[in-house]
Amino acid sequence: MRGRDVAILVGAIALVVLFFGLLGGGMMMGWGMFGPGMMGWGGYGFNPFAWIAMLVFWALIIGGLALLVVWLVREVLPAAGVPVGPPHALDVLKARYARGEITRDQYEEMKREIES
């Protein structure tokens, strides 16, 4: 993984832990079975923020899985669009001339033969 990907993953995990804590640690009724009752103290059992936190929690889970799949596909599959094949003859000739393996006259003569 690249540094940016690691930072995104750590941030997503931190947000999941934060929102899981906001949801009451996984307890459905807030205080649990032996607490003050189903509606809690004062009857404020419905919390709209908990619904928002739940939606964000599941969005992070699904988004994290999607990012994981994208990352795995990019790492496993070879890069698309990069032609893999033998180099063109003129490119090989230019490389040989650049390395000093052939003289200028040899280069010009071979170039004419390739282009004809």
Protein backbone atom coordinates (compact mmCIF):
# COMPACT_ATOMS: atom_id res chain seq x y z
CA MET A 1 0.00 0.00 0.00
CA ARG A 2 1.09 3.52 -0.63
CA GLY A 3 1.36 6.10 2.16
CA ARG A 4 -1.84 7.87 1.13
CA ASP A 5 -3.77 4.59 1.08
CA VAL A 6 -2.54 3.71 4.57
CA ALA A 7 -3.60 7.13 5.88
CA ILE A 8 -7.08 6.70 4.38
CA LEU A 9 -7.40 3.23 5.88
CA VAL A 10 -6.31 4.39 9.36
CA GLY A 11 -8.71 7.35 9.18
CA ALA A 12 -11.58 5.10 8.12
CA ILE A 13 -10.90 2.71 11.00
CA ALA A 14 -10.76 5.62 13.45
CA LEU A 15 -14.11 6.91 12.19
CA VAL A 16 -15.68 3.45 12.44
CA VAL A 17 -14.51 3.14 16.05
CA LEU A 18 -15.80 6.64 16.84
CA PHE A 19 -19.22 6.04 15.32
CA PHE A 20 -19.48 2.61 16.89
CA GLY A 21 -19.00 4.30 20.26
CA LEU A 22 -21.71 6.83 19.41
CA LEU A 23 -24.11 3.98 18.73
CA GLY A 24 -23.84 2.88 22.35
CA GLY A 25 -21.13 0.28 21.91
CA GLY A 26 -23.41 -2.03 20.00
CA MET A 27 -26.22 -2.12 22.57
CA MET A 28 -29.59 -1.61 21.01
CA MET A 29 -31.47 -0.04 23.89
CA GLY A 30 -28.71 2.14 25.33
CA TRP A 31 -28.41 0.80 28.89
CA GLY A 32 -29.02 -2.85 28.15
CA MET A 33 -31.55 -5.29 29.52
CA PHE A 34 -31.16 -4.38 33.20
CA GLY A 35 -31.00 -0.61 32.73
CA PRO A 36 -33.68 1.99 33.44
CA GLY A 37 -36.01 0.63 30.79
CA MET A 38 -36.66 0.51 27.10
CA MET A 39 -37.16 4.24 26.68
CA GLY A 40 -34.32 5.28 28.99
CA TRP A 41 -34.55 7.96 31.68
CA GLY A 42 -37.02 10.67 30.77
CA GLY A 43 -38.32 8.81 27.73
CA TYR A 44 -35.66 9.95 25.22
CA GLY A 45 -35.11 6.58 23.59
CA PHE A 46 -35.18 7.87 19.97
CA ASN A 47 -31.99 9.61 18.92
CA PRO A 48 -31.87 10.96 15.34
CA PHE A 49 -28.11 11.33 15.57
CA ALA A 50 -27.83 7.57 16.10
CA TRP A 51 -29.58 7.00 12.77
CA ILE A 52 -27.13 9.31 11.01
CA ALA A 53 -24.19 7.63 12.75
CA MET A 54 -25.52 4.22 11.69
CA LEU A 55 -25.79 5.33 8.06
CA VAL A 56 -22.27 6.76 8.12
CA PHE A 57 -21.00 3.59 9.80
CA TRP A 58 -22.39 1.35 7.05
CA ALA A 59 -21.24 3.78 4.35
CA LEU A 60 -17.70 3.49 5.75
CA ILE A 61 -17.90 -0.31 5.86
CA ILE A 62 -19.18 -0.59 2.28
CA GLY A 63 -16.80 2.12 1.03
CA GLY A 64 -13.86 0.41 2.74
CA LEU A 65 -14.72 -2.89 1.11
CA ALA A 66 -15.00 -1.17 -2.27
CA LEU A 67 -11.58 0.48 -1.79
CA LEU A 68 -10.12 -2.88 -0.79
CA VAL A 69 -11.46 -4.52 -3.96
CA VAL A 70 -10.14 -1.68 -6.14
CA TRP A 71 -6.72 -1.88 -4.48
CA LEU A 72 -6.57 -5.66 -4.91
CA VAL A 73 -7.53 -5.42 -8.59
CA ARG A 74 -4.86 -2.79 -9.23
CA GLU A 75 -2.17 -4.79 -7.44
CA VAL A 76 -2.98 -8.18 -8.93
CA LEU A 77 -3.79 -7.32 -12.54
CA PRO A 78 -1.07 -5.87 -14.78
CA ALA A 79 -1.30 -2.29 -15.93
CA ALA A 80 -3.69 -2.00 -18.86
CA GLY A 81 -2.83 0.00 -21.92
CA VAL A 82 0.91 -0.65 -21.81
CA PRO A 83 1.85 -2.45 -25.00
CA VAL A 84 4.01 -5.46 -24.37
CA GLY A 85 5.80 -6.63 -27.46
CA PRO A 86 9.04 -6.54 -29.33
CA PRO A 87 10.60 -3.10 -29.80
CA HIS A 88 10.48 -1.46 -33.20
CA ALA A 89 13.60 -2.00 -35.32
CA LEU A 90 14.26 1.73 -35.65
CA ASP A 91 14.15 2.12 -31.85
CA VAL A 92 16.74 -0.64 -31.46
CA LEU A 93 18.92 1.03 -34.09
CA LYS A 94 18.71 4.39 -32.30
CA ALA A 95 19.61 2.75 -28.99
CA ARG A 96 22.64 1.03 -30.53
CA TYR A 97 23.81 4.32 -32.05
CA ALA A 98 23.29 6.11 -28.72
CA ARG A 99 25.40 3.50 -26.91
CA GLY A 100 28.17 3.92 -29.49
CA GLU A 101 27.96 0.38 -30.84
CA ILE A 102 27.75 1.59 -34.45
CA THR A 103 29.15 4.57 -36.32
CA ARG A 104 27.09 7.34 -37.91
CA ASP A 105 27.61 5.91 -41.41
CA GLN A 106 26.44 2.47 -40.28
CA TYR A 107 23.43 4.06 -38.57
CA GLU A 108 22.42 6.00 -41.70
CA GLU A 109 22.82 2.95 -43.94
CA MET A 110 20.78 0.68 -41.64
CA LYS A 111 18.13 3.36 -41.21
CA ARG A 112 17.68 3.61 -44.99
CA GLU A 113 17.31 -0.17 -45.23
CA ILE A 114 14.73 -0.26 -42.45
CA GLU A 115 12.65 2.61 -43.88
CA SER A 116 12.66 1.20 -47.42
